[in-house]
Amino acid sequence: MSEAYQTSRLTGKQVPHFYIHSDTRHFKDTSGRTLILRGVNLSGSAKVPRDHPQHVLHNFWESAEQDGQPTQSNSYTQANPDSSYSSNSSTADSSSFNFDTQNLTPTTTSIPISQKNQPPNSNGISYIGQNLNLQDGSADVHLTRLRQWGFNCLRFVTVWEALEHQGPGQYDDDYMEYVVAMLRKCKEYGFRVYMDPHQDLFSRFCGGSGAPLWTLYACGLNPRNFTVTGAAYLQAEWPHPDSPDPESFPAMIWATNYNRLACQTVNTMFWAGRDYAPKCIIDGVNIQDYLQYHFLEAYRRLAMKLASAGDLLDETVIGWDSINEPNHGYLGLHNLMAIPDEVPLRIGPTPTGYQGLKMGMGGSCKLENYRFGPLGPQRDGSVVVDPKGKRAWLHPSAEPNGLSGYGWRRDPGWVLGTCIWAQHGIWDPETDAVLKPHYFNESRQDPNKPADFASQYWRPHLNAYCHMIRQIHPEAILFVHPPVFEIPPDLSPSVLPILKHRSVFSSHFYDGLTLVTKHWNWFNADALGILRGKYPSVVFGLKIGETAIRKCMRAQLGMLKQDGLEKMGEFPTMMGEIGIPYDLDKSKAYKDGDYSNQIKAMDASLNACDGENMLSYTLWTYCPSNSHQWGDLWNGEDLSLWSSDDAMYQGSTYAEKSSRHGKVLGRPFQYNYGAQSAGPTPNASAVTLNHRSTDVSETDLVRKGMFTPMDGSSSNTSLELGLMNLNDGARALPAFCRPFPVAIVGVPSYFNFDIHSASFELTVEVDAEKDGGLGWGNEELPTEIYVPAVHFGSASADPGGLKRRVASENDARNPEHWPVGRSSDASLPLPIGHDHTLLNPATGSPAGVQGLPFDPHRFKDTLQLEVSVSAGRWETDGQILRWFYPRKPLNGNKTASYTLKVRRKFGPILFTDGHTNLWMGMWQSVINFVLFFFNLSWPSSNSNSNSTSPNSPDSSSSSSSSPYMRNSNKEGHHHPSQFKKL
């Protein structure tokens, strides 16, 4: 064990064996091995409260309004945070973290705050149980499944609303206790976790997730009128709150809310209110400081709760992500009279900035309408949006005498009921005249430069957030997540000293064409290159054929990784989100069980993380509540790796159930959301996971062999599940359950997995001085590689009868024919030991994870391998292959390169017979490709013309159709497996 890795680069103190270093471009353990962290976001379900999926309008508003509604108005309180800021948390520190977002260092200036003097509302919303359900034993099933799939890292999703939903300064201590318990459960399974302060569109009340309802009231907005004014489109109210049809909500239209009034306003206020909304004063401070203070204080309370647990920081919770996908609002908008060129996602009615302001004041506008297809956004007529006088702004009666029921007092200079941007002289609602069309593109800090959101506003907030975290979690790894796909500002430790030694560059990537069109095409585009102006025309960014697509995706992720190296320095890169939609082609796979296109799409994205990129990642997402009908229960997204609706009854046939759109595949599940059925219960129980729809006792489960109670488990039960039971319900499993090096002696220079041939290759570089010098101890420190039985399994681990290219493997099943696995007999299969390590790369030795509540012998006799190595020897233990090689090159050179190659003996597994409509799909793609040359403008050339505000309807108006409509009559053959020949 190298002494160089026994102390913290940050503090110089001795570190425990589980400590992870992050001061080079690779994670390192305390033995100096390179670590690759891969896992999932847990969970997309945590973006909404319990029993409140995004598509259900019933009680959507009432639950949040009643949750924070005081019985009477309270007197205004303004004092030092230390004296006025109370919490219902008995363990909370009385001190508060104060900051100045305009500077790059924290200050001690007190921020006045408001307080609501009332007891917590026990009938309000709650996020408890949304990551996983700890009460019914299902959490053990899900975490066992994720571990068996090779995952060792979790991005733990939390939202501001979960912490402070009742009002300013009112914290949900029960939720924070749940988070502690949930993280301890993750610890039992050896996961490394980084916390995610998640948001989309600022809040679920403007169509996304994140901030509580009271923050919108604080911004002077009336979210009840967002849909009718076009300020934001909410799935539960689509297309109109008086006649909602949430299943017709167009795919990805939620993301266009970033360019509508509500999200543009609140994001501008949150990030830059001081400069662009100086009249917005609440409790004596600008709205920017008010909102940021409460955001930081809420997460400070959560961090304190985790620290007070005493056994989570560094061992389980290794770090904290910065705010998810920060958005600039209006900042940088060149012209309020035009749809900006840098907005490539256009779906449905698409307003200019000015049109959004006018509709927000109740005015009617004729908007350009768009649909999104394989060629990008295309004009689809015009649409008239008429709010009929309703306004997106809060009525003055909501705050008599300027005093809110939540306890804050609004400055008299901030007039409710009228557009705040009109109050700042940007436009005149009386004359409809735009007075300052370039207001948001003019920098307030440097008049000679345009506004720069990332460097001028996001970076100072990042600095304040990181200082707050480090005060409570001194060794926290800071995951830095800049605006998506944008070139980051300077994030080097010379600019942000807080990032020195323990940081990670965090980025996100999605295949945009597949995500929006919900179809896997044989052509694609270099989206990142196009957005960054790499090509003179979109046509030059076109990539034709699977080879070109895969190469392009790998290059794009390489560019994102390079962003971090150039702008931040030598730190690891984590792809915080990456994934695919599973409801491709109008949910065809849910009817016929054919997930071959999903496998291709996911494999292309994850293959891009391999090669020379060698990226760590957390997939989006794993949702226990996913259903075929409603997806992840959030805005029609359907990206969960697992769904209870994909679980099979008897391992041979799908169950068939009826829904409002006809028969689909899966198994029955219960509804509990009232008149509008929402999907399965938010966290599928252990009973549900085992194909039971009726309540049974634990005694019954034990008798039937479904539960095996174990002493020492926090839930007092754990599930005894076989490998294939764990895979039941997985979607595109061969694509995301893939081999990768978990811990590497030296530094990897390349690794790759070929899903078609079930072959894996790894090349490592060792340096005599760095990897083989004094203090390393003996040679027996292995490189550990996860080798999944899904691809390399023996017949005894056959996943549900999956067929193989070779008919017989009888010899391979006989243990007498299994020689000891060493390099000299690398082409022969090997004996399979017990699964002791289970992917715990943090320990300095091959010792396993302690306290895992399932039998380590379960997956014995799992693999059939042919292995070749250029040096050393190898052995396996469950699904872990250990490779031992010299750390000092034998030929006396300073460096050496070693290569390992693995393939499945008897050839790759063929994921069941069956066919896809290949030629039909290619013919449609050819048509789309030919049409591409008739419209090379992306967006259309007339989209940026100066807009007026006509009030008459357009006879050619057209609304966007929904890609979520199911074929109600198609039934077809129900295949025994979801996998098809690739």
Foldseek 3Di string as FASTA:
>chain_A
DFPVLQAAPQPRHGDDLLFWFWQFQFIAFSLGWGFFAAAAALFLLLQDFFLCFQQAPVCNPVQLCVQQFDPDADAFDWDFQLPPQDEPDPLDDSDAFAADLQDLDGDDDGDTAFAFPDDGDPSHTASQQQSHNLFFQVLQLQLVLRLQLPHAEYAYEHALCNAARRFQNYGDVVNLVSVLVSLVVNQLQNHAYAYAHEWALCDVLQAIGHHYPVLLVLLQFDSVLCQLLVQHDGLNQPNHVVDHDSLFQAFPVRNLNLQANSSLSSLCQQFPCVQQQVQWAKSRHGSNSRVLSRSLRSVLRSLQSNLVVPPDDSNHHQAYEPYPQRGNRCAQPAFQQFDDPLPLAFAAFHHRNLSNQQSQQQAKFKGFHWHQALLGIETQGIFIRGSNRDHRGHDPVCAVVQGHSSNMGTDPLQDTPHDSNVSVVQADNVVSGGDNGRSNQADPVDRVGGGDRQPRTVSSSLSSSLVSSCVSRVSHQYEYETNALDLHAAAECVSRVSNRRRYEHEYADEQVSCSNNLAQAQKGFLVSCVSVVVDPFRVVRIAGGLVRLLVSLLVSLVVSSVSCCVRYNRTHYEHAEYFGFQCGPLNVCQFALAQASRLSRLLSNVQSCFFQNVHHYHYHHAFQFADSQQANSRSSGHTHQFYQQQFDQPLFFWDWDADPQAITTGADADADNPPDGRGHRRHQRLCSLNRHHDDDDVVVCVVVQQWDQDPPDPNRIHGADASLSSCGGGHSSLRSSAKDWRIRQAAWRGKGADSQWRKIKTKHKFFCPSRPDPPSPDQPQWTKMFANLVKFWDPVNPNSPFAAPDDDDVLLQDPVQADDFWQVQQQFFHFEAFQQASRNRNRRHSGHSPNSPYGRRRQGRTGAKRKHKPAATWHHYRRMIIGTGDSCDPVNDRMDMMMMMMGHPPTTTFGDEDDDPVVVSNVVSVVVVVCSVVARDSHHPPNTDRDDGDNDGDPSDDGGGHSNRHNRPDRDDTGSHSYYGD
